[in-house]
Amino acid sequence: MLGWALTFLIVALIAAVLGFGGIAGVSIEIAKIIFFVAVVLFLISAIVGIFRGRSPTVP
């Protein structure tokens, strides 16, 4: 998911350099949304992992 956010950020930077302001703005907004969704999913996953109390695996 962070890869998608990085992709939209790169698209926005290229569009900004080429002068496509509308495309750059939309791409930045999409990148922000995807980034924050990824952060929220990571935090939820971390909290669930802590509460589950997974035991370490021994090889």
Protein backbone atom coordinates (compact mmCIF):
# COMPACT_ATOMS: atom_id res chain seq x y z
CA MET A 1 0.00 0.00 0.00
CA LEU A 2 2.87 2.35 0.72
CA GLY A 3 4.15 1.48 -2.73
CA TRP A 4 0.93 2.87 -4.23
CA ALA A 5 1.30 6.05 -2.18
CA LEU A 6 4.87 6.44 -3.42
CA THR A 7 3.70 5.85 -7.01
CA PHE A 8 1.06 8.58 -6.77
CA LEU A 9 3.62 10.92 -5.18
CA ILE A 10 6.01 10.36 -8.09
CA VAL A 11 3.18 10.92 -10.60
CA ALA A 12 2.32 14.17 -8.79
CA LEU A 13 5.92 15.38 -8.85
CA ILE A 14 6.30 14.63 -12.57
CA ALA A 15 2.96 16.31 -13.34
CA ALA A 16 3.97 19.36 -11.30
CA VAL A 17 7.27 19.67 -13.19
CA LEU A 18 5.46 19.42 -16.52
CA GLY A 19 2.88 22.02 -15.50
CA PHE A 20 -0.20 19.86 -15.06
CA GLY A 21 -1.45 21.47 -11.84
CA GLY A 22 -4.78 19.65 -11.65
CA ILE A 23 -3.28 16.20 -12.09
CA ALA A 24 -0.54 16.99 -9.59
CA GLY A 25 -3.05 18.13 -6.98
CA VAL A 26 -5.26 15.07 -7.39
CA SER A 27 -2.27 12.73 -7.25
CA ILE A 28 -0.99 14.35 -4.06
CA GLU A 29 -4.41 13.98 -2.42
CA ILE A 30 -4.62 10.31 -3.43
CA ALA A 31 -1.09 9.70 -2.12
CA LYS A 32 -2.00 11.33 1.21
CA ILE A 33 -5.15 9.25 1.59
CA ILE A 34 -3.39 5.99 0.77
CA PHE A 35 -0.52 6.85 3.13
CA PHE A 36 -2.84 7.56 6.06
CA VAL A 37 -4.88 4.41 5.38
CA ALA A 38 -1.63 2.40 5.43
CA VAL A 39 -0.61 4.00 8.73
CA VAL A 40 -3.99 3.29 10.31
CA LEU A 41 -3.92 -0.34 9.12
CA PHE A 42 -0.40 -0.72 10.51
CA LEU A 43 -1.45 0.64 13.90
CA ILE A 44 -4.49 -1.64 14.02
CA SER A 45 -2.31 -4.61 13.11
CA ALA A 46 0.26 -3.71 15.78
CA ILE A 47 -2.41 -3.32 18.47
CA VAL A 48 -4.07 -6.62 17.56
CA GLY A 49 -0.66 -8.32 17.59
CA ILE A 50 0.07 -6.97 21.06
CA PHE A 51 -3.29 -8.06 22.46
CA ARG A 52 -3.10 -11.53 20.90
CA GLY A 53 0.14 -12.17 22.76
CA ARG A 54 1.73 -14.27 20.08
CA SER A 55 4.44 -16.53 21.44
CA PRO A 56 7.79 -16.48 19.66
CA THR A 57 8.49 -19.44 17.42
CA VAL A 58 11.54 -21.53 18.25
CA PRO A 59 13.26 -23.23 15.31
